[in-house]
Amino acid sequence: MKINKINNKRKKKEVIINKSFSFGKNWSNFLKVLTKTRIKIAKNSIKSYLGDVKNKTCIDIGCGSGIFSYSMYLLGAKKIVSFDNDPFSVQCTKYLRDTIKNPKNWSIYQGSILDKNFFSQFDKFDIVYSWGVLHHTGRMWEAIKNAISLVEENGLFYIAIYNKTNSSKFWLIIKKLYNKMPKWGKLSMDFTLFSLHKFLYPLILFENPFKQLKEYQKNRGMDPITDIRDWLGGYPYEYATIEEVINFIKNLNLNFKLIKYIKVKTPANNEFLFRKVS
């Protein structure tokens, strides 16, 4: 009985830690700096990796700010389904949909890729898109398996997963600490990492930090301070090597072929594009 009480306390504590940082609240701040230029860059990032999405059915798993679902719509996708487990992310995505008068071919839901009862309501899609999301579910491999099950024949599966490096365990500790911090503590850690990563590090490399900050939006239309908060607060946090992700999908025996990938040397995201072949 005592053991059960202890386990229940641990579970409650873990839930509190997980909810300390809201991706959706962070994305709502990003929408304040969302410009036509950022949207154009987001659209180009989709085209450069996925090709033409016109008349394709797309699902955006962990839609976050909604900018990439929005971009899919602007690029002529036949059908877009967006969902996120964070209610504030759902609000962000609905806000962007509202700006184009709620088109009928764009549906938005709150739900988890770990909930089979939830995602089993959907058909299969020409494009299954999940950028930097599945490693935050707490059960990354299960999330990948569930997400890939939504791919239509000859469809594309595009994911970005945190790279496993020597520093990954260090960042896990930092993320746990960040999520336990009060608001002032989070702001202090935001400022510290922003200063180190965006100013001190470029200066050590004899690079212009102001130029880098100005050009940062070229990175998928993103914003540097939003990404810093996203990185520090992103917990649960899992990671894998390129080979681990490729081998996992290969061992699922679902006839997926790796089309291309982008490998990083840092703990940032490796990107993968698979096609389902018959």
C-alpha atoms as a PDB file:
ATOM      1  CA  MET A   1       0.000   0.000   0.000  1.00  0.00           C
ATOM      2  CA  LYS A   2       2.808   2.401   0.932  1.00  0.00           C
ATOM      3  CA  ILE A   3       4.629   1.528  -2.297  1.00  0.00           C
ATOM      4  CA  ASN A   4       1.524   2.405  -4.332  1.00  0.00           C
ATOM      5  CA  LYS A   5       1.229   5.756  -2.540  1.00  0.00           C
ATOM      6  CA  ILE A   6       4.872   6.520  -3.253  1.00  0.00           C
ATOM      7  CA  ASN A   7       4.443   5.595  -6.941  1.00  0.00           C
ATOM      8  CA  ASN A   8       1.328   7.760  -7.196  1.00  0.00           C
ATOM      9  CA  LYS A   9       3.213  10.714  -5.688  1.00  0.00           C
ATOM     10  CA  ARG A  10       6.014  10.211  -8.198  1.00  0.00           C
ATOM     11  CA  LYS A  11       3.541  10.108 -11.081  1.00  0.00           C
ATOM     12  CA  LYS A  12       1.839  13.293  -9.893  1.00  0.00           C
ATOM     13  CA  LYS A  13       5.204  15.001  -9.507  1.00  0.00           C
ATOM     14  CA  GLU A  14       6.236  13.930 -13.014  1.00  0.00           C
ATOM     15  CA  VAL A  15       2.988  15.289 -14.481  1.00  0.00           C
ATOM     16  CA  ILE A  16       3.639  18.636 -12.773  1.00  0.00           C
ATOM     17  CA  ILE A  17       7.169  18.703 -14.194  1.00  0.00           C
ATOM     18  CA  ASN A  18       5.911  17.878 -17.687  1.00  0.00           C
ATOM     19  CA  LYS A  19       3.332  20.675 -17.590  1.00  0.00           C
ATOM     20  CA  SER A  20       5.688  23.303 -16.176  1.00  0.00           C
ATOM     21  CA  PHE A  21       6.622  24.418 -19.693  1.00  0.00           C
ATOM     22  CA  SER A  22       3.959  24.842 -22.358  1.00  0.00           C
ATOM     23  CA  PHE A  23       5.075  24.611 -25.962  1.00  0.00           C
ATOM     24  CA  GLY A  24       1.782  26.216 -26.926  1.00  0.00           C
ATOM     25  CA  LYS A  25       2.263  29.289 -24.728  1.00  0.00           C
ATOM     26  CA  ASN A  26       5.721  29.668 -26.228  1.00  0.00           C
ATOM     27  CA  TRP A  27       4.256  29.424 -29.729  1.00  0.00           C
ATOM     28  CA  SER A  28       1.647  32.068 -28.892  1.00  0.00           C
ATOM     29  CA  ASN A  29       4.564  34.465 -28.306  1.00  0.00           C
ATOM     30  CA  PHE A  30       6.033  33.414 -31.657  1.00  0.00           C
ATOM     31  CA  LEU A  31       2.809  34.390 -33.432  1.00  0.00           C
ATOM     32  CA  LYS A  32       3.410  37.962 -32.235  1.00  0.00           C
ATOM     33  CA  VAL A  33       6.518  38.118 -34.438  1.00  0.00           C
ATOM     34  CA  LEU A  34       5.081  36.090 -37.331  1.00  0.00           C
ATOM     35  CA  THR A  35       5.527  37.983 -40.592  1.00  0.00           C
ATOM     36  CA  LYS A  36       4.848  37.351 -44.265  1.00  0.00           C
ATOM     37  CA  THR A  37       8.573  36.770 -44.692  1.00  0.00           C
ATOM     38  CA  ARG A  38       8.603  34.038 -42.045  1.00  0.00           C
ATOM     39  CA  ILE A  39       5.582  32.372 -43.645  1.00  0.00           C
ATOM     40  CA  LYS A  40       7.273  32.493 -47.052  1.00  0.00           C
ATOM     41  CA  ILE A  41      10.395  30.852 -45.583  1.00  0.00           C
ATOM     42  CA  ALA A  42       8.256  28.165 -43.893  1.00  0.00           C
ATOM     43  CA  LYS A  43       6.550  27.443 -47.214  1.00  0.00           C
ATOM     44  CA  ASN A  44       9.898  27.174 -48.972  1.00  0.00           C
ATOM     45  CA  SER A  45      11.207  24.757 -46.329  1.00  0.00           C
ATOM     46  CA  ILE A  46       8.272  22.437 -47.012  1.00  0.00           C
ATOM     47  CA  LYS A  47       8.699  22.662 -50.785  1.00  0.00           C
ATOM     48  CA  SER A  48      12.441  22.056 -50.598  1.00  0.00           C
ATOM     49  CA  TYR A  49      12.032  18.865 -48.598  1.00  0.00           C
ATOM     50  CA  LEU A  50       8.634  17.474 -49.596  1.00  0.00           C
ATOM     51  CA  GLY A  51       8.302  18.802 -53.113  1.00  0.00           C
ATOM     52  CA  ASP A  52       4.872  19.738 -54.430  1.00  0.00           C
ATOM     53  CA  VAL A  53       2.125  19.243 -51.820  1.00  0.00           C
ATOM     54  CA  LYS A  54      -0.626  20.535 -54.070  1.00  0.00           C
ATOM     55  CA  ASN A  55      -3.705  18.265 -54.024  1.00  0.00           C
ATOM     56  CA  LYS A  56      -2.048  16.059 -51.369  1.00  0.00           C
ATOM     57  CA  THR A  57      -3.586  15.012 -48.054  1.00  0.00           C
ATOM     58  CA  CYS A  58      -1.394  16.090 -45.121  1.00  0.00           C
ATOM     59  CA  ILE A  59      -1.343  15.554 -41.378  1.00  0.00           C
ATOM     60  CA  ASP A  60       0.735  17.748 -39.072  1.00  0.00           C
ATOM     61  CA  ILE A  61       1.439  15.816 -35.854  1.00  0.00           C
ATOM     62  CA  GLY A  62       2.291  18.234 -33.053  1.00  0.00           C
ATOM     63  CA  CYS A  63       1.299  21.308 -35.047  1.00  0.00           C
ATOM     64  CA  GLY A  64       2.721  23.806 -32.511  1.00  0.00           C
ATOM     65  CA  SER A  65       2.277  27.338 -33.825  1.00  0.00           C
ATOM     66  CA  GLY A  66       0.386  26.052 -36.847  1.00  0.00           C
ATOM     67  CA  ILE A  67       2.748  27.764 -39.294  1.00  0.00           C
ATOM     68  CA  PHE A  68       3.524  24.598 -41.240  1.00  0.00           C
ATOM     69  CA  SER A  69      -0.098  23.481 -41.463  1.00  0.00           C
ATOM     70  CA  TYR A  70      -0.845  27.006 -42.634  1.00  0.00           C
ATOM     71  CA  SER A  71       1.938  26.739 -45.201  1.00  0.00           C
ATOM     72  CA  MET A  72       0.534  23.426 -46.467  1.00  0.00           C
ATOM     73  CA  TYR A  73      -2.802  25.136 -47.017  1.00  0.00           C
ATOM     74  CA  LEU A  74      -1.191  28.045 -48.873  1.00  0.00           C
ATOM     75  CA  LEU A  75       0.707  25.542 -51.031  1.00  0.00           C
ATOM     76  CA  GLY A  76      -2.557  23.978 -52.175  1.00  0.00           C
ATOM     77  CA  ALA A  77      -2.856  20.829 -50.069  1.00  0.00           C
ATOM     78  CA  LYS A  78      -6.119  19.030 -50.691  1.00  0.00           C
ATOM     79  CA  LYS A  79      -6.712  18.240 -47.030  1.00  0.00           C
ATOM     80  CA  ILE A  80      -4.888  19.227 -43.842  1.00  0.00           C
ATOM     81  CA  VAL A  81      -5.335  17.668 -40.413  1.00  0.00           C
ATOM     82  CA  SER A  82      -3.472  19.328 -37.528  1.00  0.00           C
ATOM     83  CA  PHE A  83      -3.338  18.135 -33.962  1.00  0.00           C
ATOM     84  CA  ASP A  84      -1.396  18.774 -30.796  1.00  0.00           C
ATOM     85  CA  ASN A  85      -1.617  17.586 -27.214  1.00  0.00           C
ATOM     86  CA  ASP A  86      -1.072  21.127 -25.908  1.00  0.00           C
ATOM     87  CA  PRO A  87      -4.346  23.137 -25.879  1.00  0.00           C
ATOM     88  CA  PHE A  88      -2.454  26.396 -26.389  1.00  0.00           C
ATOM     89  CA  SER A  89      -0.857  25.013 -29.562  1.00  0.00           C
ATOM     90  CA  VAL A  90      -4.331  24.091 -30.771  1.00  0.00           C
ATOM     91  CA  GLN A  91      -5.416  27.673 -30.095  1.00  0.00           C
ATOM     92  CA  CYS A  92      -2.424  29.014 -32.051  1.00  0.00           C
ATOM     93  CA  THR A  93      -3.226  26.829 -35.039  1.00  0.00           C
ATOM     94  CA  LYS A  94      -6.908  27.786 -34.934  1.00  0.00           C
ATOM     95  CA  TYR A  95      -5.890  31.432 -34.834  1.00  0.00           C
ATOM     96  CA  LEU A  96      -3.970  31.043 -38.102  1.00  0.00           C
ATOM     97  CA  ARG A  97      -6.862  29.153 -39.667  1.00  0.00           C
ATOM     98  CA  ASP A  98      -9.206  31.969 -38.615  1.00  0.00           C
ATOM     99  CA  THR A  99      -7.101  34.433 -40.620  1.00  0.00           C
ATOM    100  CA  ILE A 100      -8.120  32.609 -43.801  1.00  0.00           C
ATOM    101  CA  LYS A 101     -11.797  32.230 -42.832  1.00  0.00           C
ATOM    102  CA  ASN A 102     -11.709  28.618 -41.600  1.00  0.00           C
ATOM    103  CA  PRO A 103     -11.401  26.618 -44.847  1.00  0.00           C
ATOM    104  CA  LYS A 104     -13.333  23.340 -44.771  1.00  0.00           C
ATOM    105  CA  ASN A 105     -10.321  21.289 -45.883  1.00  0.00           C
ATOM    106  CA  TRP A 106      -8.330  22.166 -42.730  1.00  0.00           C
ATOM    107  CA  SER A 107      -9.309  20.372 -39.498  1.00  0.00           C
ATOM    108  CA  ILE A 108      -7.707  20.931 -36.094  1.00  0.00           C
ATOM    109  CA  TYR A 109      -7.855  18.668 -33.039  1.00  0.00           C
ATOM    110  CA  GLN A 110      -6.415  18.313 -29.571  1.00  0.00           C
ATOM    111  CA  GLY A 111      -4.981  14.844 -29.009  1.00  0.00           C
ATOM    112  CA  SER A 112      -1.916  12.659 -28.619  1.00  0.00           C
ATOM    113  CA  ILE A 113      -0.126  10.415 -31.100  1.00  0.00           C
ATOM    114  CA  LEU A 114       0.157   7.955 -28.205  1.00  0.00           C
ATOM    115  CA  ASP A 115      -3.648   7.664 -28.004  1.00  0.00           C
ATOM    116  CA  LYS A 116      -4.747   5.040 -30.525  1.00  0.00           C
ATOM    117  CA  ASN A 117      -8.422   5.740 -29.871  1.00  0.00           C
ATOM    118  CA  PHE A 118      -7.746   9.311 -30.949  1.00  0.00           C
ATOM    119  CA  PHE A 119      -5.626   8.923 -34.079  1.00  0.00           C
ATOM    120  CA  SER A 120      -7.462   5.825 -35.362  1.00  0.00           C
ATOM    121  CA  GLN A 121     -10.299   8.156 -36.432  1.00  0.00           C
ATOM    122  CA  PHE A 122      -8.122   9.460 -39.260  1.00  0.00           C
ATOM    123  CA  ASP A 123      -7.624   8.032 -42.743  1.00  0.00           C
ATOM    124  CA  LYS A 124      -4.135   7.566 -44.140  1.00  0.00           C
ATOM    125  CA  PHE A 125      -2.323  10.537 -45.665  1.00  0.00           C
ATOM    126  CA  ASP A 126      -0.062  11.317 -48.612  1.00  0.00           C
ATOM    127  CA  ILE A 127       2.198  13.283 -46.243  1.00  0.00           C
ATOM    128  CA  VAL A 128       2.711  12.618 -42.540  1.00  0.00           C
ATOM    129  CA  TYR A 129       4.690  15.506 -41.070  1.00  0.00           C
ATOM    130  CA  SER A 130       6.075  15.730 -37.544  1.00  0.00           C
ATOM    131  CA  TRP A 131       9.000  18.082 -37.030  1.00  0.00           C
ATOM    132  CA  GLY A 132      10.703  17.977 -33.629  1.00  0.00           C
ATOM    133  CA  VAL A 133       7.714  16.520 -31.794  1.00  0.00           C
ATOM    134  CA  LEU A 134       7.824  12.766 -31.265  1.00  0.00           C
ATOM    135  CA  HIS A 135      10.858  12.917 -28.950  1.00  0.00           C
ATOM    136  CA  HIS A 136       8.789  15.009 -26.509  1.00  0.00           C
ATOM    137  CA  THR A 137       6.032  12.439 -25.980  1.00  0.00           C
ATOM    138  CA  GLY A 138       7.846  10.410 -23.330  1.00  0.00           C
ATOM    139  CA  ARG A 139       7.530   7.292 -25.519  1.00  0.00           C
ATOM    140  CA  MET A 140       9.381   8.270 -28.672  1.00  0.00           C
ATOM    141  CA  TRP A 141       9.616   4.883 -30.384  1.00  0.00           C
ATOM    142  CA  GLU A 142       5.941   4.169 -29.861  1.00  0.00           C
ATOM    143  CA  ALA A 143       5.132   7.639 -31.180  1.00  0.00           C
ATOM    144  CA  ILE A 144       7.187   7.019 -34.336  1.00  0.00           C
ATOM    145  CA  LYS A 145       5.471   3.665 -34.857  1.00  0.00           C
ATOM    146  CA  ASN A 146       2.027   5.211 -34.454  1.00  0.00           C
ATOM    147  CA  ALA A 147       2.800   8.161 -36.712  1.00  0.00           C
ATOM    148  CA  ILE A 148       4.169   6.023 -39.530  1.00  0.00           C
ATOM    149  CA  SER A 149       1.003   3.914 -39.496  1.00  0.00           C
ATOM    150  CA  LEU A 150      -0.865   6.928 -40.913  1.00  0.00           C
ATOM    151  CA  VAL A 151       1.104   6.988 -44.182  1.00  0.00           C
ATOM    152  CA  GLU A 152      -0.766   6.150 -47.393  1.00  0.00           C
ATOM    153  CA  GLU A 153       0.704   3.876 -50.072  1.00  0.00           C
ATOM    154  CA  ASN A 154       3.459   5.785 -51.891  1.00  0.00           C
ATOM    155  CA  GLY A 155       3.117   8.482 -49.238  1.00  0.00           C
ATOM    156  CA  LEU A 156       5.858  10.421 -47.462  1.00  0.00           C
ATOM    157  CA  PHE A 157       6.883  10.294 -43.809  1.00  0.00           C
ATOM    158  CA  TYR A 158       8.871  13.317 -42.644  1.00  0.00           C
ATOM    159  CA  ILE A 159      10.180  13.533 -39.075  1.00  0.00           C
ATOM    160  CA  ALA A 160      12.868  15.390 -37.158  1.00  0.00           C
ATOM    161  CA  ILE A 161      14.346  13.712 -34.088  1.00  0.00           C
ATOM    162  CA  TYR A 162      16.922  15.001 -31.617  1.00  0.00           C
ATOM    163  CA  ASN A 163      20.401  13.680 -32.297  1.00  0.00           C
ATOM    164  CA  LYS A 164      22.158  11.559 -29.674  1.00  0.00           C
ATOM    165  CA  THR A 165      25.489  13.126 -28.688  1.00  0.00           C
ATOM    166  CA  ASN A 166      27.875  13.059 -25.740  1.00  0.00           C
ATOM    167  CA  SER A 167      26.010  16.063 -24.323  1.00  0.00           C
ATOM    168  CA  SER A 168      22.496  14.598 -24.558  1.00  0.00           C
ATOM    169  CA  LYS A 169      22.422  13.374 -20.945  1.00  0.00           C
ATOM    170  CA  PHE A 170      23.663  16.778 -19.781  1.00  0.00           C
ATOM    171  CA  TRP A 171      20.797  18.502 -21.595  1.00  0.00           C
ATOM    172  CA  LEU A 172      18.318  16.071 -20.074  1.00  0.00           C
ATOM    173  CA  ILE A 173      19.434  17.269 -16.625  1.00  0.00           C
ATOM    174  CA  ILE A 174      19.181  20.922 -17.710  1.00  0.00           C
ATOM    175  CA  LYS A 175      15.663  20.416 -19.079  1.00  0.00           C
ATOM    176  CA  LYS A 176      14.489  18.739 -15.880  1.00  0.00           C
ATOM    177  CA  LEU A 177      15.964  21.608 -13.875  1.00  0.00           C
ATOM    178  CA  TYR A 178      14.344  24.225 -16.125  1.00  0.00           C
ATOM    179  CA  ASN A 179      10.919  22.640 -15.699  1.00  0.00           C
ATOM    180  CA  LYS A 180      11.269  22.741 -11.908  1.00  0.00           C
ATOM    181  CA  MET A 181      12.231  26.416 -11.918  1.00  0.00           C
ATOM    182  CA  PRO A 182       9.861  29.282 -11.026  1.00  0.00           C
ATOM    183  CA  LYS A 183       9.242  31.900 -13.697  1.00  0.00           C
ATOM    184  CA  TRP A 184      12.234  34.055 -12.702  1.00  0.00           C
ATOM    185  CA  GLY A 185      14.483  30.991 -12.870  1.00  0.00           C
ATOM    186  CA  LYS A 186      13.285  30.140 -16.372  1.00  0.00           C
ATOM    187  CA  LEU A 187      13.861  33.728 -17.515  1.00  0.00           C
ATOM    188  CA  SER A 188      17.373  33.617 -16.080  1.00  0.00           C
ATOM    189  CA  MET A 189      18.178  30.377 -17.904  1.00  0.00           C
ATOM    190  CA  ASP A 190      16.634  31.763 -21.123  1.00  0.00           C
ATOM    191  CA  PHE A 191      18.875  34.828 -20.905  1.00  0.00           C
ATOM    192  CA  THR A 192      21.985  32.826 -20.051  1.00  0.00           C
ATOM    193  CA  LEU A 193      21.662  30.341 -22.913  1.00  0.00           C
ATOM    194  CA  PHE A 194      20.629  33.056 -25.364  1.00  0.00           C
ATOM    195  CA  SER A 195      23.693  35.124 -24.439  1.00  0.00           C
ATOM    196  CA  LEU A 196      26.080  32.191 -24.613  1.00  0.00           C
ATOM    197  CA  HIS A 197      24.717  30.615 -27.786  1.00  0.00           C
ATOM    198  CA  LYS A 198      23.744  33.683 -29.783  1.00  0.00           C
ATOM    199  CA  PHE A 199      26.478  36.148 -28.747  1.00  0.00           C
ATOM    200  CA  LEU A 200      29.486  34.645 -26.977  1.00  0.00           C
ATOM    201  CA  TYR A 201      29.821  31.547 -29.177  1.00  0.00           C
ATOM    202  CA  PRO A 202      29.742  33.495 -32.494  1.00  0.00           C
ATOM    203  CA  LEU A 203      32.254  36.008 -31.108  1.00  0.00           C
ATOM    204  CA  ILE A 204      34.635  33.174 -30.176  1.00  0.00           C
ATOM    205  CA  LEU A 205      34.390  32.023 -33.795  1.00  0.00           C
ATOM    206  CA  PHE A 206      35.015  35.624 -34.999  1.00  0.00           C
ATOM    207  CA  GLU A 207      31.500  35.808 -36.457  1.00  0.00           C
ATOM    208  CA  ASN A 208      29.019  38.671 -36.270  1.00  0.00           C
ATOM    209  CA  PRO A 209      26.260  37.687 -33.785  1.00  0.00           C
ATOM    210  CA  PHE A 210      23.938  40.480 -34.946  1.00  0.00           C
ATOM    211  CA  LYS A 211      24.129  39.275 -38.527  1.00  0.00           C
ATOM    212  CA  GLN A 212      23.338  35.733 -37.407  1.00  0.00           C
ATOM    213  CA  LEU A 213      20.325  36.919 -35.388  1.00  0.00           C
ATOM    214  CA  LYS A 214      19.063  38.954 -38.339  1.00  0.00           C
ATOM    215  CA  GLU A 215      19.321  35.926 -40.617  1.00  0.00           C
ATOM    216  CA  TYR A 216      17.963  33.429 -38.086  1.00  0.00           C
ATOM    217  CA  GLN A 217      14.477  33.420 -39.592  1.00  0.00           C
ATOM    218  CA  LYS A 218      15.965  31.726 -42.644  1.00  0.00           C
ATOM    219  CA  ASN A 219      15.885  28.625 -40.422  1.00  0.00           C
ATOM    220  CA  ARG A 220      12.342  27.498 -41.318  1.00  0.00           C
ATOM    221  CA  GLY A 221      10.976  30.963 -40.465  1.00  0.00           C
ATOM    222  CA  MET A 222      11.743  30.490 -36.783  1.00  0.00           C
ATOM    223  CA  ASP A 223      12.608  33.004 -34.037  1.00  0.00           C
ATOM    224  CA  PRO A 224      15.775  32.656 -31.883  1.00  0.00           C
ATOM    225  CA  ILE A 225      14.329  33.400 -28.422  1.00  0.00           C
ATOM    226  CA  THR A 226      11.314  31.164 -29.117  1.00  0.00           C
ATOM    227  CA  ASP A 227      13.668  28.345 -30.068  1.00  0.00           C
ATOM    228  CA  ILE A 228      15.815  28.885 -26.969  1.00  0.00           C
ATOM    229  CA  ARG A 229      12.750  28.519 -24.710  1.00  0.00           C
ATOM    230  CA  ASP A 230      11.572  25.562 -26.752  1.00  0.00           C
ATOM    231  CA  TRP A 231      14.945  23.857 -26.331  1.00  0.00           C
ATOM    232  CA  LEU A 232      15.240  24.454 -22.586  1.00  0.00           C
ATOM    233  CA  GLY A 233      11.622  23.634 -21.797  1.00  0.00           C
ATOM    234  CA  GLY A 234      11.269  20.664 -24.129  1.00  0.00           C
ATOM    235  CA  TYR A 235      10.679  17.802 -21.716  1.00  0.00           C
ATOM    236  CA  PRO A 236      10.152  14.799 -21.846  1.00  0.00           C
ATOM    237  CA  TYR A 237      13.305  14.637 -23.937  1.00  0.00           C
ATOM    238  CA  GLU A 238      14.542  11.632 -25.917  1.00  0.00           C
ATOM    239  CA  TYR A 239      17.122  11.308 -28.667  1.00  0.00           C
ATOM    240  CA  ALA A 240      18.584   8.836 -31.145  1.00  0.00           C
ATOM    241  CA  THR A 241      21.331   8.472 -33.703  1.00  0.00           C
ATOM    242  CA  ILE A 242      20.621   8.509 -37.426  1.00  0.00           C
ATOM    243  CA  GLU A 243      21.293   4.764 -37.538  1.00  0.00           C
ATOM    244  CA  GLU A 244      18.934   4.004 -34.634  1.00  0.00           C
ATOM    245  CA  VAL A 245      16.014   5.771 -36.313  1.00  0.00           C
ATOM    246  CA  ILE A 246      16.664   4.200 -39.716  1.00  0.00           C
ATOM    247  CA  ASN A 247      17.056   0.707 -38.247  1.00  0.00           C
ATOM    248  CA  PHE A 248      13.937   1.064 -36.111  1.00  0.00           C
ATOM    249  CA  ILE A 249      11.787   1.922 -39.114  1.00  0.00           C
ATOM    250  CA  LYS A 250      13.452  -0.773 -41.188  1.00  0.00           C
ATOM    251  CA  ASN A 251      12.678  -3.377 -38.507  1.00  0.00           C
ATOM    252  CA  LEU A 252       9.016  -2.387 -38.489  1.00  0.00           C
ATOM    253  CA  ASN A 253       8.923  -4.115 -41.891  1.00  0.00           C
ATOM    254  CA  LEU A 254       6.402  -1.675 -43.350  1.00  0.00           C
ATOM    255  CA  ASN A 255       8.053  -1.205 -46.745  1.00  0.00           C
ATOM    256  CA  PHE A 256       9.496   2.237 -46.137  1.00  0.00           C
ATOM    257  CA  LYS A 257      12.424   3.503 -48.145  1.00  0.00           C
ATOM    258  CA  LEU A 258      14.710   6.292 -46.899  1.00  0.00           C
ATOM    259  CA  ILE A 259      14.657   9.044 -49.520  1.00  0.00           C
ATOM    260  CA  LYS A 260      17.004  11.525 -47.852  1.00  0.00           C
ATOM    261  CA  TYR A 261      18.151  12.773 -44.489  1.00  0.00           C
ATOM    262  CA  ILE A 262      19.983  15.671 -42.894  1.00  0.00           C
ATOM    263  CA  LYS A 263      22.506  14.767 -40.214  1.00  0.00           C
ATOM    264  CA  VAL A 264      23.694  17.223 -37.562  1.00  0.00           C
ATOM    265  CA  LYS A 265      26.695  17.037 -35.237  1.00  0.00           C
ATOM    266  CA  THR A 266      24.954  18.862 -32.382  1.00  0.00           C
ATOM    267  CA  PRO A 267      22.047  17.701 -30.155  1.00  0.00           C
ATOM    268  CA  ALA A 268      19.689  19.436 -32.605  1.00  0.00           C
ATOM    269  CA  ASN A 269      17.337  17.629 -34.980  1.00  0.00           C
ATOM    270  CA  ASN A 270      18.303  15.039 -37.550  1.00  0.00           C
ATOM    271  CA  GLU A 271      15.723  15.078 -40.359  1.00  0.00           C
ATOM    272  CA  PHE A 272      14.375  12.032 -42.183  1.00  0.00           C
ATOM    273  CA  LEU A 273      12.200  11.590 -45.238  1.00  0.00           C
ATOM    274  CA  PHE A 274      10.824   8.128 -45.961  1.00  0.00           C
ATOM    275  CA  ARG A 275       8.516   6.914 -48.717  1.00  0.00           C
ATOM    276  CA  LYS A 276       6.115   4.014 -48.355  1.00  0.00           C
ATOM    277  CA  VAL A 277       6.614   1.680 -51.299  1.00  0.00           C
ATOM    278  CA  SER A 278       4.373  -1.183 -52.380  1.00  0.00           C
END
